Protein backbone atom coordinates (compact mmCIF):
# COMPACT_ATOMS: atom_id res chain seq x y z
CA MET A 1 -7.06 29.03 4.71
CA ILE A 2 -5.23 31.65 7.32
CA LEU A 3 -3.45 34.70 5.10
CA ASP A 4 -0.13 35.47 6.39
CA GLN A 5 1.78 38.82 6.28
CA THR A 6 3.77 37.52 3.37
CA ARG A 7 0.63 37.26 1.24
CA ILE A 8 -0.89 40.05 2.23
CA ASN A 9 1.53 42.41 1.20
CA ARG A 10 2.00 40.87 -2.37
CA MET A 11 -1.39 41.59 -2.78
CA VAL A 12 -1.63 45.12 -1.44
CA GLU A 13 1.84 45.34 -3.81
CA LEU A 14 -0.17 44.13 -7.00
CA ALA A 15 -3.26 46.61 -6.00
CA LYS A 16 -0.74 49.49 -6.43
CA ASN A 17 0.72 48.11 -9.31
CA PHE A 18 -2.67 48.18 -11.25
CA GLY A 19 -3.56 51.61 -9.86
CA ALA A 20 -5.72 50.62 -6.57
CA THR A 21 -6.82 53.73 -4.79
CA ARG A 22 -8.09 51.77 -1.88
CA LEU A 23 -8.38 47.91 -0.98
CA ILE A 24 -10.30 46.20 1.43
CA LEU A 25 -10.64 42.61 2.72
CA PHE A 26 -13.37 41.49 4.45
CA GLY A 27 -16.15 38.21 4.82
CA SER A 28 -14.99 35.41 6.22
CA GLN A 29 -10.88 36.23 6.65
CA THR A 30 -11.69 39.10 8.90
CA GLU A 31 -14.08 36.97 11.01
CA ILE A 32 -13.08 33.83 11.15
CA PRO A 33 -9.97 32.99 9.17
CA GLN A 34 -9.59 29.17 10.48
CA GLU A 35 -12.52 28.79 8.63
CA ALA A 36 -12.10 30.75 5.59
CA ARG A 37 -12.01 28.93 2.48
CA ASP A 38 -11.14 32.39 0.11
CA VAL A 39 -9.96 35.39 0.18
CA ASP A 40 -12.80 38.15 -0.23
CA LEU A 41 -11.57 42.04 -1.41
CA ALA A 42 -13.28 44.96 -2.35
CA CYS A 43 -11.13 47.73 -4.25
CA ASP A 44 -11.47 50.85 -5.88
CA GLY A 45 -9.18 52.59 -8.36
CA ILE A 46 -9.15 49.71 -10.63
CA PRO A 47 -11.17 50.31 -13.84
CA GLY A 48 -13.08 47.77 -15.63
CA TRP A 49 -11.66 44.91 -16.82
CA LYS A 50 -8.66 45.12 -15.74
CA LEU A 51 -10.35 44.54 -11.81
CA PHE A 52 -11.08 41.11 -12.80
CA GLU A 53 -7.24 40.88 -14.23
CA PHE A 54 -5.48 42.29 -11.04
CA ALA A 55 -7.91 39.16 -9.64
CA ALA A 56 -6.85 36.74 -11.70
CA ARG A 57 -3.09 37.89 -11.08
CA ILE A 58 -3.23 37.59 -7.22
CA GLU A 59 -4.95 33.70 -7.62
CA GLU A 60 -2.54 32.60 -10.24
CA GLU A 61 0.59 33.86 -8.03
CA LEU A 62 -0.63 33.73 -4.29
CA GLU A 63 -2.34 30.04 -5.56
CA ILE A 64 -5.62 31.28 -3.49
CA PRO A 65 -9.33 31.52 -4.57
CA LEU A 66 -10.35 35.18 -4.56
CA ASP A 67 -13.54 37.16 -4.68
CA ILE A 68 -13.48 40.76 -5.74
CA VAL A 69 -15.91 43.45 -5.27
CA PRO A 70 -15.60 46.90 -6.63
CA LEU A 71 -16.48 49.63 -4.10
CA THR A 72 -17.39 51.87 -6.60
CA PRO A 73 -20.61 52.84 -7.04
CA PRO A 74 -21.34 52.46 -3.43
CA SER A 75 -24.03 50.57 -2.19
CA ARG A 76 -25.30 49.55 1.02
CA PHE A 77 -23.00 46.26 0.68
CA THR A 78 -19.57 48.08 -0.02
CA ARG A 79 -20.79 50.65 2.84
CA SER A 80 -20.79 47.82 4.97
CA ILE A 81 -17.34 46.17 3.83
CA GLU A 82 -16.33 49.83 4.50
CA LYS A 83 -17.23 49.48 7.97
CA LYS A 84 -16.35 46.03 8.81
CA GLY A 85 -13.58 45.12 7.00
CA GLN A 86 -10.19 45.43 7.41
CA VAL A 87 -8.24 48.11 5.11
CA LEU A 88 -5.10 47.05 3.72
CA LEU A 89 -4.39 49.91 1.06
């Protein structure tokens, strides 16, 4: 599943509506999009359960499977995402 620009734009719009300050696309969508079966996003600025409400909204509205990771607190994994991922917001 390759993400088109329309879906990316909608994800960014939803992220802003939920209060996101950063949104990073990572994983198979950035490495081998033609083989990707889901979307991996890392996000900052959306607190607690709101982050999972945001993820559910993307899954429902765009009809795509999604994995979401908070960027805070920072870890070795989130630093790797920040280095390798595609910054959307």
